[in-house]
Protein backbone atom coordinates (compact mmCIF):
# COMPACT_ATOMS: atom_id res chain seq x y z
CA MET A 1 164.67 33.17 87.88
CA GLN A 2 165.26 35.93 85.54
CA ILE A 3 168.48 37.05 87.39
CA LEU A 4 169.50 33.21 87.58
CA LYS A 5 169.04 33.04 83.57
CA GLU A 6 171.11 36.13 82.90
CA HIS A 7 174.02 35.20 85.36
CA ALA A 8 174.03 31.52 83.88
CA LYS A 9 174.82 32.33 80.52
CA PRO A 10 178.71 32.61 80.89
CA TYR A 11 178.60 28.85 82.26
CA LEU A 12 176.35 27.15 79.65
CA ARG A 13 178.91 24.76 78.91
CA ASP A 14 179.70 23.94 82.48
CA ILE A 15 175.82 23.70 83.24
CA ILE A 16 175.62 21.14 79.91
CA PHE A 17 178.42 18.90 81.48
CA SER A 18 176.90 19.07 84.80
CA ILE A 19 173.81 18.10 83.59
CA ILE A 20 175.20 15.10 81.48
CA SER A 21 176.93 13.84 84.48
CA VAL A 22 174.03 13.97 86.64
CA MET A 23 172.15 11.99 84.02
CA ILE A 24 174.65 9.27 83.73
CA MET A 25 174.73 9.15 87.79
CA ALA A 26 171.11 8.86 87.77
CA GLY A 27 171.11 5.97 84.96
CA ALA A 28 173.56 4.37 86.80
CA SER A 29 171.68 4.03 89.84
CA LEU A 30 168.83 3.05 88.18
CA TRP A 31 170.30 0.15 86.40
CA GLN A 32 172.18 -1.40 89.29
CA PRO A 33 168.87 -3.16 90.51
CA ARG A 34 168.44 -4.83 87.24
CA LEU A 35 171.57 -5.90 87.08
CA LEU A 36 171.39 -7.34 90.57
CA GLN A 37 167.84 -9.11 89.43
CA SER A 38 170.05 -10.55 86.79
CA VAL A 39 172.72 -11.66 89.61
CA MET A 40 169.72 -13.39 91.63
CA LYS A 41 168.48 -15.41 88.76
CA ALA A 42 172.10 -16.54 87.95
CA ILE A 43 172.44 -17.57 91.69
CA ILE A 44 169.09 -19.47 91.67
CA ALA A 45 170.04 -21.15 88.59
CA ASP A 46 173.75 -21.90 89.91
CA ASP A 47 175.34 -20.26 86.90
CA GLN A 48 178.79 -19.04 88.27
CA ASN A 49 179.85 -17.47 84.94
CA LYS A 50 176.89 -15.17 84.66
CA VAL A 51 177.21 -14.43 88.57
CA LEU A 52 180.81 -13.32 87.77
CA MET A 53 179.83 -11.37 84.34
CA TYR A 54 176.77 -9.52 86.06
CA GLY A 55 179.14 -8.70 89.05
CA VAL A 56 181.89 -7.22 86.94
CA GLN A 57 178.90 -5.04 85.29
CA LEU A 58 177.79 -4.14 88.78
CA ILE A 59 181.38 -2.85 89.69
CA ILE A 60 181.94 -1.30 86.42
CA LEU A 61 178.49 0.56 86.77
CA ALA A 62 179.35 1.76 89.83
CA ILE A 63 182.81 3.16 89.04
CA ILE A 64 180.79 5.18 86.32
CA GLY A 65 178.49 6.43 88.58
CA LEU A 66 181.08 7.37 91.04
CA ILE A 67 183.13 9.26 88.35
CA ALA A 68 179.93 10.79 86.68
CA GLY A 69 179.06 12.10 90.51
CA VAL A 70 182.50 13.63 90.83
CA ILE A 71 182.44 15.37 87.62
CA ASN A 72 178.79 16.74 88.41
CA THR A 73 180.23 18.04 91.72
CA ILE A 74 183.17 19.76 90.27
CA PHE A 75 180.90 21.51 87.59
CA ALA A 76 178.24 22.34 89.97
CA ALA A 77 180.69 24.03 92.20
CA LYS A 78 182.13 26.02 89.48
CA VAL A 79 178.98 27.11 88.12
CA SER A 80 177.26 27.96 91.66
CA GLN A 81 180.37 29.92 92.74
CA GLY A 82 180.70 31.89 89.73
CA ILE A 83 177.06 32.80 89.48
CA ALA A 84 177.28 33.72 93.11
CA ALA A 85 180.39 35.81 92.61
CA ASP A 86 178.83 37.53 89.78
CA ILE A 87 175.58 38.33 91.18
CA ARG A 88 177.41 39.67 94.31
CA ALA A 89 179.62 42.06 92.02
CA ASN A 90 176.85 43.36 89.94
CA GLU A 91 174.60 43.70 93.31
CA TYR A 92 177.55 45.96 94.72
CA ASN A 93 177.83 47.90 91.55
CA LYS A 94 174.13 48.44 91.73
CA ILE A 95 174.17 49.46 95.42
CA GLN A 96 176.93 52.07 94.58
CA SER A 97 174.66 53.90 92.04
CA PHE A 98 171.98 54.37 94.80
CA SER A 99 171.44 57.65 96.12
CA PHE A 100 171.23 58.31 99.94
CA SER A 101 167.52 57.92 99.99
CA ASN A 102 167.72 54.61 98.24
CA VAL A 103 170.43 53.22 100.86
CA GLU A 104 168.31 54.73 103.74
CA LYS A 105 165.14 52.89 102.31
CA PHE A 106 166.99 49.47 102.66
CA SER A 107 169.42 50.32 105.52
CA PRO A 108 173.05 49.71 105.21
CA GLY A 109 172.77 46.46 107.45
CA ASN A 110 169.82 45.32 105.13
CA LEU A 111 171.88 45.65 102.16
CA VAL A 112 175.03 43.86 103.67
CA VAL A 113 172.79 40.75 104.39
CA ARG A 114 171.46 40.85 101.06
CA MET A 115 175.04 40.83 99.34
CA THR A 116 176.35 38.01 101.53
CA ASN A 117 173.62 35.69 103.30
CA ASP A 118 171.26 36.01 100.41
CA VAL A 119 173.69 35.48 97.76
CA ASN A 120 175.11 32.38 99.66
CA GLN A 121 171.32 31.10 99.70
CA VAL A 122 171.13 31.41 95.94
CA GLN A 123 174.75 29.72 95.53
CA GLN A 124 173.37 26.67 97.39
CA LEU A 125 170.11 26.81 95.34
CA VAL A 126 172.12 26.58 91.96
CA MET A 127 174.27 23.79 93.61
CA MET A 128 171.15 21.84 94.82
CA VAL A 129 169.56 22.40 91.21
CA LEU A 130 172.61 21.01 89.29
CA GLN A 131 173.23 18.20 91.82
CA SER A 132 169.81 17.25 93.21
CA LEU A 133 167.01 18.53 91.86
CA THR A 134 167.95 17.82 88.37
CA ARG A 135 168.73 14.34 89.21
CA ILE A 136 165.59 13.62 91.43
CA PRO A 137 163.11 13.70 88.62
CA VAL A 138 165.15 11.31 86.60
CA LEU A 139 165.30 8.74 89.57
CA PHE A 140 161.83 9.29 90.67
CA ILE A 141 160.20 8.55 86.95
CA GLY A 142 162.68 6.00 86.07
CA ALA A 143 162.50 3.95 89.25
CA PHE A 144 158.67 4.21 89.10
CA ILE A 145 158.37 2.60 85.55
CA LEU A 146 161.13 -0.04 86.53
CA ALA A 147 159.59 -0.95 89.40
CA LEU A 148 156.09 -1.30 87.49
CA ILE A 149 158.15 -3.72 84.97
CA THR A 150 159.97 -5.70 87.67
CA ILE A 151 156.61 -6.99 89.37
CA PRO A 152 153.77 -5.71 87.44
CA ARG A 153 151.06 -7.24 89.50
CA LEU A 154 152.32 -4.93 92.61
CA TRP A 155 151.75 -1.76 90.78
CA TRP A 156 149.31 -0.91 93.43
CA ILE A 157 151.74 -0.86 96.23
CA VAL A 158 153.81 1.74 94.22
CA ILE A 159 151.09 4.04 93.42
CA LEU A 160 149.75 3.75 96.90
CA MET A 161 153.06 4.36 98.60
CA VAL A 162 153.81 7.47 96.09
CA ILE A 163 150.51 9.14 97.19
CA LEU A 164 150.87 8.74 100.65
CA ILE A 165 154.25 10.12 100.84
CA MET A 166 153.43 13.08 98.46
CA LEU A 167 150.26 13.79 100.80
CA ALA A 168 152.54 13.67 103.95
CA SER A 169 155.35 15.74 102.55
CA GLN A 170 152.63 18.34 101.08
CA ILE A 171 151.54 18.87 104.77
CA VAL A 172 154.83 19.08 106.13
CA PHE A 173 156.62 21.19 103.61
CA LYS A 174 153.52 23.63 103.54
CA GLN A 175 154.31 24.22 107.16
CA MET A 176 157.81 24.76 106.56
CA GLY A 177 158.07 27.02 103.88
CA LYS A 178 156.63 30.13 105.66
CA TYR A 179 159.29 29.83 108.31
CA PHE A 180 162.38 30.48 105.83
CA THR A 181 161.17 33.88 104.99
CA GLN A 182 160.99 34.66 109.08
CA ILE A 183 164.63 33.47 109.22
CA GLN A 184 165.84 35.89 106.35
CA GLN A 185 164.00 38.75 108.32
CA LEU A 186 165.51 37.70 111.67
CA ILE A 187 168.84 37.43 110.16
CA ASP A 188 168.69 41.05 108.80
CA LYS A 189 167.62 42.29 112.69
CA THR A 190 170.43 40.33 114.06
CA ASN A 191 172.79 41.81 111.53
CA MET A 192 171.85 45.11 112.08
CA LEU A 193 171.75 44.64 116.18
CA ALA A 194 175.09 43.48 116.06
CA LYS A 195 176.46 46.09 113.82
CA GLU A 196 175.02 49.22 115.84
CA ASN A 197 176.17 47.78 119.11
CA LEU A 198 179.73 47.05 117.90
CA GLN A 199 179.88 50.63 115.93
CA GLY A 200 178.24 52.34 119.21
CA VAL A 201 180.38 50.46 122.01
CA ARG A 202 181.74 53.34 123.57
CA VAL A 203 178.08 54.70 123.83
CA VAL A 204 177.03 51.54 125.26
CA LYS A 205 179.53 51.44 127.89
CA SER A 206 179.38 55.04 128.80
CA PHE A 207 175.54 54.71 129.54
CA ASN A 208 176.05 51.44 131.15
CA GLN A 209 173.49 50.06 128.59
CA GLU A 210 175.47 46.68 127.99
CA ALA A 211 172.47 44.67 129.94
CA ASN A 212 169.91 46.01 127.66
CA GLU A 213 171.90 45.78 124.52
CA THR A 214 172.35 42.14 125.59
CA GLN A 215 168.73 41.57 126.32
CA GLN A 216 167.73 42.95 122.92
CA PHE A 217 170.13 40.51 120.72
CA THR A 218 169.12 37.73 122.93
CA ASP A 219 165.59 38.04 122.55
CA ASN A 220 166.09 38.39 118.47
CA SER A 221 168.48 35.42 118.65
CA ASP A 222 165.98 33.47 120.74
CA ASN A 223 163.21 34.01 117.92
CA LEU A 224 165.80 33.06 115.45
CA THR A 225 166.35 29.84 117.12
CA ARG A 226 162.57 29.21 117.82
CA VAL A 227 161.97 29.48 114.01
CA THR A 228 164.99 27.43 113.22
CA THR A 229 163.97 24.70 115.92
CA THR A 230 160.54 24.56 114.56
CA ILE A 231 161.76 23.82 110.93
CA GLY A 232 163.88 21.01 112.85
CA TYR A 233 160.76 19.73 114.65
CA LEU A 234 159.07 19.40 111.30
CA PHE A 235 162.02 17.63 109.80
CA SER A 236 161.92 15.21 113.10
CA THR A 237 158.25 14.20 112.30
CA MET A 238 158.82 14.13 108.52
CA ILE A 239 161.59 11.39 108.05
CA PRO A 240 159.85 8.62 110.56
CA MET A 241 156.78 9.35 108.74
CA PHE A 242 158.31 8.59 105.32
CA MET A 243 160.37 5.56 106.59
CA LEU A 244 157.01 4.20 108.28
CA ILE A 245 155.29 4.26 104.86
CA SER A 246 157.93 3.03 102.79
CA TYR A 247 158.58 0.13 105.19
CA VAL A 248 154.95 -0.78 105.05
CA ALA A 249 154.90 -0.88 101.28
CA ILE A 250 158.27 -2.99 101.52
CA GLY A 251 156.53 -5.43 103.85
CA ALA A 252 153.60 -5.60 101.78
CA ALA A 253 155.59 -6.50 98.69
CA VAL A 254 157.68 -9.18 100.86
CA LEU A 255 154.39 -10.49 101.92
CA PHE A 256 152.72 -10.99 98.76
CA VAL A 257 155.60 -12.23 96.96
CA GLY A 258 156.27 -14.72 99.73
CA ARG A 259 152.56 -15.88 99.59
CA ASP A 260 152.44 -16.39 95.70
CA VAL A 261 156.18 -17.64 95.11
CA VAL A 262 154.93 -21.11 93.80
CA ALA A 263 152.67 -19.32 91.46
CA HIS A 264 155.04 -16.80 90.51
CA PRO A 265 158.73 -18.09 90.99
CA ASP A 266 160.39 -15.14 89.02
CA ASP A 267 159.40 -12.95 91.47
CA LEU A 268 161.92 -14.29 94.04
CA ALA A 269 164.66 -12.91 91.90
CA ALA A 270 162.93 -9.77 91.27
CA ILE A 271 161.76 -8.89 94.87
CA THR A 272 165.35 -7.40 95.63
CA SER A 273 165.29 -5.02 92.65
CA PHE A 274 161.72 -4.09 93.49
CA ILE A 275 162.62 -2.87 96.99
CA SER A 276 165.74 -1.11 95.54
CA TYR A 277 163.12 0.78 93.42
CA LEU A 278 160.87 1.28 95.96
CA MET A 279 163.66 2.76 98.31
CA GLN A 280 164.62 4.89 95.36
CA ILE A 281 161.08 6.19 94.59
CA PHE A 282 161.13 7.02 98.87
CA PHE A 283 164.32 8.48 98.46
CA ALA A 284 163.68 10.84 95.59
CA ILE A 285 160.24 12.29 97.00
CA MET A 286 161.83 12.66 100.40
CA ILE A 287 165.23 14.36 98.99
CA GLY A 288 163.40 16.35 96.48
CA GLY A 289 161.02 17.68 98.90
CA MET A 290 163.74 18.52 101.37
CA MET A 291 165.51 20.20 98.70
CA SER A 292 162.41 21.93 97.40
CA THR A 293 162.02 23.36 100.77
CA PHE A 294 165.54 24.57 100.99
CA ALA A 295 165.18 25.99 97.72
CA SER A 296 162.24 27.97 98.75
CA ARG A 297 164.71 29.76 101.13
CA GLY A 298 167.02 30.59 97.89
CA PHE A 299 164.03 31.98 95.99
CA VAL A 300 163.11 34.19 99.01
CA SER A 301 166.65 35.33 99.00
CA LEU A 302 166.13 35.89 94.72
CA ALA A 303 163.45 37.85 95.44
CA ARG A 304 165.24 39.94 97.80
CA ILE A 305 168.14 40.54 95.44
CA LYS A 306 165.99 41.17 92.68
CA GLU A 307 164.58 44.18 94.74
CA ILE A 308 167.98 45.69 94.46
CA PHE A 309 167.95 45.36 91.00
CA ASP A 310 164.88 46.63 90.29
CA THR A 311 165.17 49.66 92.31
CA LYS A 312 165.68 52.74 90.32
CA SER A 313 168.03 55.59 91.78
CA ASP A 314 166.26 58.50 92.68
CA LEU A 315 169.06 60.30 91.00
CA THR A 316 170.02 59.77 87.28
CA TYR A 317 172.55 61.47 85.18
CA ASN A 318 172.26 62.17 81.54
CA PRO A 319 174.74 59.97 79.78
CA ASP A 320 174.69 62.12 76.68
CA ALA A 321 175.71 65.05 78.72
CA PRO A 322 179.18 66.54 77.73
CA GLU A 323 181.82 66.46 80.16
CA THR A 324 183.03 69.78 80.84
CA ALA A 325 184.79 71.78 83.49
CA LEU A 326 182.41 73.60 85.54
CA THR A 327 183.15 77.12 87.28
CA GLY A 328 182.65 77.95 91.09
CA ASP A 329 179.28 79.98 90.45
CA VAL A 330 176.24 78.67 92.34
CA LEU A 331 172.44 79.53 91.56
CA PHE A 332 169.66 78.44 93.95
CA GLN A 333 166.43 79.29 92.28
CA ASN A 334 163.32 79.01 94.38
CA VAL A 335 164.61 75.78 95.55
CA SER A 336 162.32 73.62 98.12
CA PHE A 337 163.28 70.28 99.38
CA THR A 338 161.21 67.52 101.43
CA TYR A 339 162.65 64.45 102.57
CA PRO A 340 160.83 61.21 101.34
CA GLY A 341 158.23 60.16 103.89
CA ASP A 342 158.08 63.57 105.38
CA ASP A 343 155.23 66.17 105.12
CA GLN A 344 157.20 69.42 106.20
CA PRO A 345 159.59 70.64 103.95
CA ALA A 346 163.28 71.01 104.94
CA LEU A 347 164.07 73.80 102.76
CA GLU A 348 161.25 76.17 101.23
CA ASP A 349 161.54 78.75 98.56
CA ILE A 350 165.48 79.38 98.91
CA SER A 351 167.05 81.68 96.40
CA PHE A 352 170.70 82.99 96.36
CA GLN A 353 173.65 83.41 93.99
CA VAL A 354 177.43 82.61 94.55
CA ASN A 355 180.38 83.82 92.35
CA SER A 356 183.44 81.88 92.03
CA GLY A 357 186.08 82.22 94.48
CA GLU A 358 183.61 83.42 97.43
CA MET A 359 183.75 81.94 100.85
CA ILE A 360 180.18 81.56 102.04
CA GLY A 361 178.96 81.02 105.52
CA ILE A 362 175.86 79.21 106.57
CA VAL A 363 174.39 79.33 109.91
CA GLY A 364 171.31 78.75 111.82
CA ALA A 365 169.83 76.91 114.65
CA THR A 366 169.84 73.09 114.84
CA GLY A 367 167.16 71.55 112.27
CA SER A 368 167.16 74.85 110.16
CA GLY A 369 168.13 73.21 106.95
CA LYS A 370 172.05 74.11 106.54
CA SER A 371 173.41 70.45 105.90
CA THR A 372 170.39 69.90 103.69
CA LEU A 373 171.29 73.03 101.66
CA ALA A 374 174.83 71.77 101.35
CA GLN A 375 173.73 68.36 100.06
CA LEU A 376 171.63 69.86 97.34
CA ILE A 377 174.94 71.58 95.71
CA PRO A 378 176.77 67.93 94.86
CA ARG A 379 173.60 66.64 94.01
CA LEU A 380 173.15 64.05 96.91
CA PHE A 381 169.48 64.88 96.64
CA ASP A 382 167.25 66.58 94.03
CA PRO A 383 165.21 69.53 95.23
CA SER A 384 161.82 68.94 95.14
CA LYS A 385 161.17 72.39 93.38
CA GLY A 386 163.39 74.88 91.93
CA GLU A 387 166.64 74.52 90.24
CA VAL A 388 170.48 74.27 91.49
CA ARG A 389 172.70 75.48 89.01
CA ILE A 390 176.58 75.27 88.76
CA GLY A 391 178.40 77.11 86.40
CA GLY A 392 175.17 78.31 84.72
CA VAL A 393 174.47 74.62 84.31
CA ASN A 394 171.19 72.88 85.85
CA LEU A 395 172.47 70.06 87.96
CA LYS A 396 169.73 67.55 86.34
CA GLU A 397 171.81 68.27 82.91
CA VAL A 398 175.31 68.01 84.19
CA HIS A 399 177.89 65.12 83.49
CA GLU A 400 178.29 63.25 86.94
CA LYS A 401 182.24 63.09 86.49
CA SER A 402 182.06 66.97 85.72
CA LEU A 403 180.12 67.55 88.98
CA ARG A 404 182.18 65.12 91.11
CA THR A 405 185.57 66.85 89.92
CA ALA A 406 184.18 70.27 90.63
CA VAL A 407 182.86 69.70 93.88
CA SER A 408 184.13 68.26 97.08
CA PHE A 409 182.34 67.74 100.41
CA VAL A 410 183.73 67.36 103.74
CA LEU A 411 181.41 65.74 106.48
CA GLN A 412 181.27 66.78 110.23
CA ARG A 413 181.67 62.96 110.97
CA ALA A 414 184.82 62.22 109.12
CA VAL A 415 184.70 59.02 107.55
CA LEU A 416 187.99 57.14 106.55
CA PHE A 417 188.49 53.76 105.22
CA SER A 418 190.62 51.04 106.27
CA GLY A 419 193.96 50.86 104.37
CA LYS A 420 196.88 53.63 104.25
CA ILE A 421 196.57 57.26 104.67
CA SER A 422 197.62 57.67 100.96
CA ASP A 423 194.69 55.43 99.84
CA ASN A 424 192.17 57.69 101.50
CA LEU A 425 193.90 60.80 100.05
CA ARG A 426 193.70 59.47 96.46
CA GLN A 427 189.77 59.15 96.69
CA GLY A 428 190.05 63.19 96.30
CA LYS A 429 192.72 62.77 93.41
CA ALA A 430 193.23 59.41 92.23
CA ASP A 431 196.57 60.29 90.41
CA ALA A 432 197.95 62.06 93.46
CA THR A 433 201.42 62.40 94.12
CA VAL A 434 203.57 62.63 97.30
CA ALA A 435 204.00 66.41 96.85
CA ASP A 436 199.90 66.46 96.32
CA PHE A 437 199.85 64.68 99.79
CA GLN A 438 202.05 67.32 101.54
CA ARG A 439 200.27 70.25 100.24
CA ALA A 440 196.89 69.00 101.17
CA ALA A 441 198.20 67.77 104.59
CA ASP A 442 199.80 71.36 105.05
CA ILE A 443 196.30 72.98 104.19
CA ALA A 444 194.42 70.84 106.55
CA GLN A 445 197.07 71.10 109.28
CA ALA A 446 197.54 67.27 109.41
CA SER A 447 201.45 67.49 108.46
CA GLU A 448 202.12 67.73 112.47
CA PHE A 449 201.15 64.11 112.95
CA ILE A 450 201.48 62.57 109.79
CA ASN A 451 205.21 63.57 109.61
CA GLN A 452 205.78 61.65 113.00
CA TYR A 453 205.02 58.60 111.42
CA ASP A 454 208.00 56.52 110.43
CA ASP A 455 205.98 55.73 107.16
CA GLY A 456 204.38 58.84 106.71
CA PHE A 457 201.41 59.10 104.07
CA GLU A 458 201.80 54.90 104.05
CA HIS A 459 200.84 54.68 107.47
CA ILE A 460 197.84 52.23 108.22
CA VAL A 461 194.30 53.26 108.85
CA GLU A 462 192.71 50.81 110.91
CA GLU A 463 189.07 49.74 110.47
CA ARG A 464 186.84 52.71 111.35
CA SER A 465 190.01 54.65 111.59
CA SER A 466 189.99 53.61 115.20
CA ASN A 467 193.84 54.47 115.60
CA LEU A 468 193.14 58.18 115.13
CA SER A 469 191.53 60.95 117.12
CA GLY A 470 188.62 62.94 115.95
CA GLY A 471 190.59 65.88 115.40
CA GLN A 472 193.09 63.57 113.22
CA LYS A 473 190.32 62.23 111.22
CA GLN A 474 188.90 65.62 110.61
CA ARG A 475 192.13 66.90 109.11
CA LEU A 476 192.63 63.84 106.98
CA SER A 477 189.18 64.38 105.74
CA ILE A 478 189.79 68.10 105.04
CA ALA A 479 193.04 67.14 103.23
CA ARG A 480 191.04 64.52 101.11
CA GLY A 481 188.77 67.09 100.19
CA VAL A 482 191.01 69.95 99.05
CA ILE A 483 193.69 67.74 97.42
CA GLY A 484 191.69 67.96 94.16
CA SER A 485 191.63 71.56 93.95
CA PRO A 486 188.02 71.58 93.46
CA LYS A 487 186.27 74.67 92.13
CA ILE A 488 183.40 74.32 95.15
CA LEU A 489 184.35 73.32 98.46
CA ILE A 490 181.65 72.48 101.12
CA LEU A 491 182.90 72.40 104.83
CA ASP A 492 180.09 70.86 106.80
CA ASP A 493 181.21 71.64 110.23
CA ALA A 494 184.14 69.80 109.26
CA THR A 495 186.37 71.89 111.85
CA SER A 496 184.05 71.15 114.96
CA ALA A 497 187.02 68.44 116.43
CA LEU A 498 189.79 70.96 116.05
CA ASP A 499 190.96 73.48 118.55
CA ALA A 500 190.66 77.01 118.03
CA ARG A 501 194.19 77.26 117.16
CA SER A 502 194.01 74.37 114.44
CA GLU A 503 190.79 75.70 113.17
CA LYS A 504 192.32 79.33 112.36
CA LEU A 505 195.42 77.81 110.63
CA VAL A 506 192.94 75.58 108.60
CA GLN A 507 190.85 78.58 107.70
CA ASN A 508 193.98 80.62 106.85
CA ALA A 509 195.63 78.09 104.44
CA LEU A 510 192.23 77.55 102.91
CA ASP A 511 192.07 81.41 101.88
CA LYS A 512 195.87 81.20 100.84
CA GLU A 513 196.05 78.10 99.12
CA LEU A 514 192.65 77.76 97.20
CA ILE A 515 192.39 81.34 95.63
CA GLY A 516 189.63 80.87 93.28
CA THR A 517 187.60 78.14 94.82
CA THR A 518 184.13 78.86 96.19
CA THR A 519 183.99 77.60 99.83
CA PHE A 520 180.77 77.08 101.66
CA VAL A 521 181.31 76.82 105.50
CA ILE A 522 178.49 75.19 107.51
CA ALA A 523 179.10 76.18 111.07
CA GLU A 524 177.66 76.25 114.62
CA LYS A 525 179.89 78.96 115.80
CA ILE A 526 179.72 82.27 114.28
CA SER A 527 183.29 82.82 115.07
CA SER A 528 184.19 79.99 112.17
CA VAL A 529 182.35 82.21 109.43
CA ILE A 530 182.62 85.76 110.44
CA HIS A 531 185.14 86.79 107.95
CA ALA A 532 183.06 85.05 105.20
CA ASP A 533 182.28 87.32 102.27
CA ARG A 534 178.50 86.69 102.87
CA ILE A 535 176.77 84.59 105.42
CA LEU A 536 173.44 82.96 104.81
CA VAL A 537 171.10 82.92 107.78
CA LEU A 538 168.53 80.03 108.05
CA ASP A 539 165.46 79.48 110.27
CA LYS A 540 162.86 76.56 109.84
CA GLY A 541 164.11 75.81 106.20
CA LYS A 542 163.60 79.41 105.14
CA LEU A 543 166.46 81.80 104.11
CA VAL A 544 165.93 84.62 106.40
CA GLY A 545 168.97 86.71 106.11
CA VAL A 546 172.03 87.16 103.68
CA GLY A 547 174.86 89.53 104.39
CA THR A 548 178.37 90.15 106.00
CA HIS A 549 178.56 89.75 109.73
CA THR A 550 178.18 93.56 110.30
CA GLU A 551 175.26 93.79 108.09
CA LEU A 552 173.48 90.75 109.72
CA LEU A 553 173.77 92.04 113.04
CA ALA A 554 171.98 95.12 112.16
CA THR A 555 169.34 93.55 109.93
CA SER A 556 168.59 90.12 110.97
CA PRO A 557 167.33 89.46 114.36
CA VAL A 558 167.78 85.68 114.07
CA TYR A 559 171.62 86.31 113.50
CA ALA A 560 171.71 88.75 116.29
CA GLU A 561 170.04 86.09 118.54
CA ILE A 562 172.42 83.24 117.76
CA TYR A 563 175.56 85.90 117.96
CA GLU A 564 174.34 87.29 121.33
CA THR A 565 174.06 83.79 122.63
CA GLN A 566 177.45 82.28 121.68
CA LYS A 567 179.06 85.56 122.73
CA ALA A 568 177.23 85.24 126.20
CA LYS A 569 178.50 81.55 126.51
CA GLY A 570 182.04 82.67 125.45
CA GLY A 571 182.05 85.28 128.41
CA ASN A 572 181.06 82.74 130.73
C-alpha cells in the first residue's frame, strides 16, 4: 500500500472529488427506497398530488445519482490511469539502475510482465477502490440501518441473511484467493515461453522443434486455463448460492408482512422499500466480496512491483565523486570474481597493468574467463576481491558518467535497437554530427553498405535488427563503440561475424584513427591479436601468460597449444 500512497499524492484533489461523487451516488441509491415508500403510502391513500411530488423527487434523485456516477467514473479513471503510468515509469527507471546480476535474478521476461500486466492489475485495483470498494461499505451500512428502521420487527431476517451470505462468501473467496498468485506465475511463464520461441524462431525451425515448443506452450496455457476455469466455477456456485439466500429472506419477509398485515397495515407500503434494502445489502456483500477477491490479485501485483522498488542494485556509484576525465591506464590488482550462486571463481588472483594507448589481446579456451575479465573494466560487475583501477582511480570511487564516457564496450552479440541507424550511433555520442557518423562508419567498415541506402544514416533498423546481416550488425555495433572516441575500447570477439578482409580493415582503421585509445581485444582466433602490444592468456580463470606473440610461443604452453591447434586447422 505504501507504493499507492506515494503515487496517489499528486492526485489527491481528484481522489477527493471521486470519493465525494461516490458518496452522493450511494446516498441517492439509499434514499430512493424511502421515497418509494412515501409513493406507496400516497397511492394507498389515493393522494395524487403527493404521488406526483414524490415521483418528481424520485426522478431528480435518479438524475443526481447518474451525474454523480459519471463524475466518479471520470475522476476514478483519471486517478487510476495516472497512478499506473507513474508506477510504470518509476518501475522502468528503477530497472534501468539494475546491474546485470539484478536483471538475471528476475529475468527479462519476468520484468516485462511486472511492468505491464502487474501494473494493469494495480490500475484496476485503484479503479475498483474509487468506484466500488468506497461505495460498498456506505451502501451496506446505510441499507442495513434503513432496513431495520423500515420494518423494525423483521430485524432478525436482515441479520440472518447477512450472516449466511458472509459465511458463504468467506468459504468461496478463501478458495478463490490462492489461485490469483498462480495466475500471475503462469502469465510470467507464458510470456517467457512466447518470447524465447519468437526470438529463437530460426533455431526452432532449424532443429525441427516446432512440435516440442508448441507442446510446452500448450501445457502451460492449459494450466492457465485450468486455474482460470476453476475461478469461474467458484463464481458460478457463488452467485446462485447468494441469490438463494436473498430470495429466501425476501420470501420470508413477504410471508410475515402478509400474515400480519391487519395488525401492521403500514408494513404494506413499507415492504417494497424493505425488499429493496435487502437487495442492496445482498449486492453490497456479493459485489464487495467479488471486488475484494479481484483486489487480492491487485495486491499480489503490488507485492511483485514492490520487490522491484525494494531491490538494491548490486552496483552503486558515489554521488559525491567528482566528474573527471579518466585516462586509459588500467590496473588489475589481485582481482578475483565469483558469479552469484556459483561456488567456483570465474577469475582468480588476476594482476596486470596497461598503459594508455596499448592494444591488449585476451585469449584462452572457452570458459577461461575472458569476457568476465572484460566486464569488470566498465564495471558491469564488481570484483569479489581486489581492485580495478582506471586512470589510477578505484572503480568503486569513480563517477558513473566519467566511467561511461571513458569506456566503450562492443559485444560479440551485436544488440541494435529499432529506429534509425543514426539513433543507434547517438547512443555512443548523444551530440554526434553526420561527420561523426561517417568517421565511425568508415572505421567500422560500415560505410560500404550504409552509403548504398538512399536515406543513409536515417535508414530504419527494424525490430531486433532483422533487416541486417550478422556482419552488418557487428559493424554498426563497432561504429557505435568508437564514435565517442573513448579512452578505453573493449572488443569482445566483436569481429567474429566479419570475413578476414573486413576484420583486417577494421583493425587497421582502429590503429590509425584511435591513437591513444587503450584497446582490449578478446578473440577466439589468435590471428586477431597477433600484432597486439601484449597478450593476456587465461586458463580456468587464472592469468597464465603475459607477453607478445613471440614471447608467449616460447614461454606459455597454453598459448602455444592454442596457436598450434588453430594453425593446424588453418592448414586443413
